[in-house]
Amino acid sequence: MCLGIPGRIVEITDPANCLAKVDVSGVRRVISIRLLENDPPAPDEWVLVHVGFAMAKIDEAEALLTLAAVQKLGEAYTDEIQAFDSSVIL
């Protein structure tokens, strides 16, 4: 199962290539923010992450509600976090 998981932008690592470091449940990875280049996220803002891309900006309340909901999925959530932990943008 592939889930969109809320992540908090830690830093914009490469503005020219639309890359940012995001924290998803304690796991930090660089993701693409290219899909949001018309309204790019800033550090400490929340985004919905799916397969290495920020799909949408979300507010903190929505992020926390979504995290609580996906954590209830148990193994599916754990699998998604493990996949995110082992992913990398080349």
N, C-alpha and C. Protein backbone atom coordinates (compact mmCIF):
# COMPACT_ATOMS: atom_id res chain seq x y z
N MET A 1 0.85 -1.17 0.00
CA MET A 1 0.00 0.00 0.00
C MET A 1 0.89 1.23 0.00
N CYS A 2 0.54 2.21 -0.79
CA CYS A 2 1.26 3.47 -0.82
C CYS A 2 0.38 4.55 -0.21
N LEU A 3 0.94 5.23 0.76
CA LEU A 3 0.19 6.26 1.48
C LEU A 3 0.83 7.62 1.26
N GLY A 4 0.02 8.65 1.32
CA GLY A 4 0.54 10.00 1.42
C GLY A 4 0.72 10.28 2.90
N ILE A 5 1.92 10.63 3.31
CA ILE A 5 2.24 10.80 4.72
C ILE A 5 2.66 12.24 4.97
N PRO A 6 2.14 12.86 6.02
CA PRO A 6 2.56 14.23 6.34
C PRO A 6 4.02 14.29 6.76
N GLY A 7 4.70 15.29 6.26
CA GLY A 7 6.08 15.54 6.65
C GLY A 7 6.31 17.02 6.84
N ARG A 8 7.19 17.36 7.75
CA ARG A 8 7.51 18.76 8.02
C ARG A 8 8.79 19.13 7.29
N ILE A 9 8.76 20.22 6.55
CA ILE A 9 9.95 20.69 5.83
C ILE A 9 10.99 21.14 6.85
N VAL A 10 12.18 20.56 6.76
CA VAL A 10 13.28 20.91 7.65
C VAL A 10 14.11 22.03 7.03
N GLU A 11 14.44 21.86 5.74
CA GLU A 11 15.20 22.88 5.03
C GLU A 11 15.04 22.69 3.53
N ILE A 12 15.22 23.77 2.80
CA ILE A 12 15.26 23.71 1.35
C ILE A 12 16.72 23.45 1.01
N THR A 13 17.02 22.26 0.50
CA THR A 13 18.41 21.87 0.29
C THR A 13 18.96 22.30 -1.06
N ASP A 14 18.10 22.40 -2.07
CA ASP A 14 18.54 22.77 -3.42
C ASP A 14 17.39 23.49 -4.13
N PRO A 15 17.30 24.80 -3.93
CA PRO A 15 16.18 25.55 -4.51
C PRO A 15 16.12 25.45 -6.03
N ALA A 16 17.27 25.44 -6.70
CA ALA A 16 17.29 25.39 -8.16
C ALA A 16 16.67 24.11 -8.70
N ASN A 17 16.83 23.01 -7.96
CA ASN A 17 16.28 21.72 -8.38
C ASN A 17 15.04 21.32 -7.59
N CYS A 18 14.51 22.26 -6.82
CA CYS A 18 13.27 22.05 -6.05
C CYS A 18 13.37 20.85 -5.12
N LEU A 19 14.43 20.81 -4.32
CA LEU A 19 14.62 19.72 -3.36
C LEU A 19 14.61 20.27 -1.94
N ALA A 20 14.00 19.50 -1.05
CA ALA A 20 13.92 19.91 0.35
C ALA A 20 14.07 18.68 1.24
N LYS A 21 14.63 18.91 2.44
CA LYS A 21 14.70 17.85 3.43
C LYS A 21 13.42 17.91 4.25
N VAL A 22 12.81 16.74 4.44
CA VAL A 22 11.55 16.65 5.17
C VAL A 22 11.71 15.65 6.30
N ASP A 23 11.00 15.87 7.39
CA ASP A 23 10.98 14.94 8.51
C ASP A 23 9.61 14.27 8.54
N VAL A 24 9.64 12.95 8.39
CA VAL A 24 8.41 12.15 8.44
C VAL A 24 8.56 11.17 9.59
N SER A 25 7.87 11.44 10.68
CA SER A 25 7.91 10.57 11.86
C SER A 25 9.33 10.26 12.31
N GLY A 26 10.20 11.28 12.30
CA GLY A 26 11.57 11.12 12.75
C GLY A 26 12.55 10.67 11.68
N VAL A 27 12.06 10.32 10.52
CA VAL A 27 12.92 9.92 9.40
C VAL A 27 13.09 11.14 8.50
N ARG A 28 14.34 11.49 8.20
CA ARG A 28 14.61 12.65 7.35
C ARG A 28 15.15 12.21 6.01
N ARG A 29 14.56 12.77 4.96
CA ARG A 29 14.96 12.45 3.60
C ARG A 29 14.78 13.70 2.74
N VAL A 30 15.53 13.73 1.65
CA VAL A 30 15.34 14.78 0.65
C VAL A 30 14.23 14.35 -0.30
N ILE A 31 13.31 15.26 -0.55
CA ILE A 31 12.20 15.00 -1.46
C ILE A 31 12.13 16.11 -2.50
N SER A 32 11.38 15.87 -3.54
CA SER A 32 11.13 16.89 -4.55
C SER A 32 9.93 17.73 -4.14
N ILE A 33 10.09 19.04 -4.27
CA ILE A 33 8.96 19.95 -4.05
C ILE A 33 8.56 20.61 -5.37
N ARG A 34 9.02 20.04 -6.47
CA ARG A 34 8.76 20.61 -7.80
C ARG A 34 7.27 20.76 -8.09
N LEU A 35 6.45 19.83 -7.63
CA LEU A 35 5.02 19.91 -7.90
C LEU A 35 4.37 21.11 -7.20
N LEU A 36 5.09 21.69 -6.26
CA LEU A 36 4.57 22.84 -5.51
C LEU A 36 5.33 24.12 -5.84
N GLU A 37 6.01 24.16 -6.99
CA GLU A 37 6.88 25.29 -7.27
C GLU A 37 6.13 26.61 -7.44
N ASN A 38 4.83 26.57 -7.71
CA ASN A 38 4.05 27.81 -7.78
C ASN A 38 3.74 28.37 -6.40
N ASP A 39 3.80 27.53 -5.39
CA ASP A 39 3.59 27.93 -3.99
C ASP A 39 4.50 27.07 -3.11
N PRO A 40 5.82 27.27 -3.23
CA PRO A 40 6.76 26.37 -2.55
C PRO A 40 6.66 26.43 -1.03
N PRO A 41 6.81 25.28 -0.40
CA PRO A 41 6.80 25.26 1.07
C PRO A 41 8.08 25.85 1.63
N ALA A 42 7.98 26.34 2.84
CA ALA A 42 9.12 26.90 3.57
C ALA A 42 9.42 25.99 4.76
N PRO A 43 10.62 26.14 5.33
CA PRO A 43 10.93 25.36 6.54
C PRO A 43 9.83 25.54 7.60
N ASP A 44 9.54 24.43 8.26
CA ASP A 44 8.52 24.30 9.31
C ASP A 44 7.10 24.20 8.77
N GLU A 45 6.92 24.26 7.45
CA GLU A 45 5.59 24.01 6.89
C GLU A 45 5.44 22.51 6.65
N TRP A 46 4.20 22.07 6.56
CA TRP A 46 3.88 20.66 6.38
C TRP A 46 3.46 20.39 4.94
N VAL A 47 3.86 19.21 4.45
CA VAL A 47 3.46 18.77 3.11
C VAL A 47 2.99 17.32 3.19
N LEU A 48 2.22 16.92 2.22
CA LEU A 48 1.81 15.53 2.10
C LEU A 48 2.78 14.88 1.13
N VAL A 49 3.52 13.86 1.59
CA VAL A 49 4.58 13.23 0.81
C VAL A 49 4.11 11.89 0.27
N HIS A 50 4.35 11.68 -1.02
CA HIS A 50 4.02 10.40 -1.67
C HIS A 50 5.11 10.10 -2.68
N VAL A 51 5.70 8.94 -2.59
CA VAL A 51 6.77 8.44 -3.47
C VAL A 51 7.85 9.49 -3.75
N GLY A 52 8.28 10.18 -2.69
CA GLY A 52 9.39 11.12 -2.82
C GLY A 52 9.02 12.50 -3.32
N PHE A 53 7.73 12.78 -3.45
CA PHE A 53 7.27 14.08 -3.91
C PHE A 53 6.34 14.71 -2.89
N ALA A 54 6.49 16.01 -2.69
CA ALA A 54 5.49 16.75 -1.91
C ALA A 54 4.32 16.98 -2.85
N MET A 55 3.16 16.44 -2.47
CA MET A 55 1.98 16.52 -3.33
C MET A 55 1.12 17.75 -3.03
N ALA A 56 1.13 18.20 -1.77
CA ALA A 56 0.31 19.33 -1.37
C ALA A 56 0.83 19.89 -0.06
N LYS A 57 0.64 21.19 0.14
CA LYS A 57 0.91 21.79 1.43
C LYS A 57 -0.32 21.57 2.30
N ILE A 58 -0.09 21.27 3.57
CA ILE A 58 -1.19 21.09 4.52
C ILE A 58 -0.83 21.85 5.80
N ASP A 59 -1.85 22.19 6.57
CA ASP A 59 -1.55 22.89 7.82
C ASP A 59 -1.22 21.87 8.91
N GLU A 60 -0.67 22.36 10.01
CA GLU A 60 -0.21 21.47 11.08
C GLU A 60 -1.35 20.64 11.67
N ALA A 61 -2.51 21.24 11.84
CA ALA A 61 -3.65 20.49 12.40
C ALA A 61 -4.01 19.31 11.51
N GLU A 62 -4.08 19.55 10.20
CA GLU A 62 -4.39 18.47 9.27
C GLU A 62 -3.28 17.41 9.28
N ALA A 63 -2.03 17.88 9.36
CA ALA A 63 -0.90 16.95 9.39
C ALA A 63 -0.99 16.02 10.60
N LEU A 64 -1.26 16.58 11.76
CA LEU A 64 -1.32 15.77 12.98
C LEU A 64 -2.51 14.81 12.97
N LEU A 65 -3.64 15.26 12.45
CA LEU A 65 -4.80 14.36 12.33
C LEU A 65 -4.51 13.22 11.36
N THR A 66 -3.88 13.55 10.24
CA THR A 66 -3.55 12.53 9.24
C THR A 66 -2.54 11.54 9.80
N LEU A 67 -1.52 12.04 10.50
CA LEU A 67 -0.53 11.14 11.11
C LEU A 67 -1.20 10.19 12.09
N ALA A 68 -2.08 10.70 12.92
CA ALA A 68 -2.78 9.85 13.88
C ALA A 68 -3.60 8.78 13.16
N ALA A 69 -4.25 9.15 12.07
CA ALA A 69 -5.07 8.20 11.32
C ALA A 69 -4.21 7.12 10.66
N VAL A 70 -3.11 7.52 10.01
CA VAL A 70 -2.30 6.52 9.31
C VAL A 70 -1.54 5.63 10.29
N GLN A 71 -1.21 6.15 11.46
CA GLN A 71 -0.53 5.32 12.46
C GLN A 71 -1.44 4.20 12.93
N LYS A 72 -2.75 4.41 12.88
CA LYS A 72 -3.70 3.36 13.26
C LYS A 72 -3.73 2.22 12.26
N LEU A 73 -3.14 2.42 11.08
CA LEU A 73 -3.09 1.36 10.07
C LEU A 73 -2.07 0.28 10.44
N GLY A 74 -1.27 0.55 11.47
CA GLY A 74 -0.33 -0.44 11.96
C GLY A 74 0.74 -0.81 10.96
N GLU A 75 0.72 -2.04 10.48
CA GLU A 75 1.77 -2.56 9.62
C GLU A 75 1.91 -1.77 8.32
N ALA A 76 0.82 -1.34 7.75
CA ALA A 76 0.88 -0.56 6.51
C ALA A 76 1.66 0.74 6.74
N TYR A 77 1.42 1.37 7.88
CA TYR A 77 2.13 2.60 8.23
C TYR A 77 3.61 2.30 8.46
N THR A 78 3.91 1.26 9.21
CA THR A 78 5.29 0.87 9.47
C THR A 78 6.02 0.57 8.18
N ASP A 79 5.38 -0.16 7.28
CA ASP A 79 5.98 -0.47 5.98
C ASP A 79 6.27 0.80 5.19
N GLU A 80 5.35 1.74 5.22
CA GLU A 80 5.53 2.99 4.48
C GLU A 80 6.70 3.79 5.05
N ILE A 81 6.83 3.85 6.36
CA ILE A 81 7.95 4.57 6.98
C ILE A 81 9.27 3.88 6.66
N GLN A 82 9.29 2.55 6.67
CA GLN A 82 10.51 1.82 6.32
C GLN A 82 10.89 2.07 4.87
N ALA A 83 9.91 2.10 3.98
CA ALA A 83 10.18 2.39 2.57
C ALA A 83 10.71 3.81 2.42
N PHE A 84 10.13 4.75 3.15
CA PHE A 84 10.59 6.14 3.10
C PHE A 84 12.02 6.24 3.63
N ASP A 85 12.32 5.51 4.69
CA ASP A 85 13.65 5.52 5.29
C ASP A 85 14.71 5.01 4.32
N SER A 86 14.36 4.08 3.45
CA SER A 86 15.34 3.50 2.53
C SER A 86 15.34 4.17 1.16
N SER A 87 14.48 5.17 0.97
CA SER A 87 14.40 5.83 -0.34
C SER A 87 15.43 6.94 -0.46
N VAL A 88 15.71 7.29 -1.70
CA VAL A 88 16.65 8.38 -1.97
C VAL A 88 16.30 8.98 -3.33
N ILE A 89 16.46 10.28 -3.45
CA ILE A 89 16.28 10.95 -4.74
C ILE A 89 17.65 11.07 -5.38
N LEU A 90 17.75 10.61 -6.58
CA LEU A 90 19.04 10.67 -7.29
C LEU A 90 19.15 11.92 -8.13
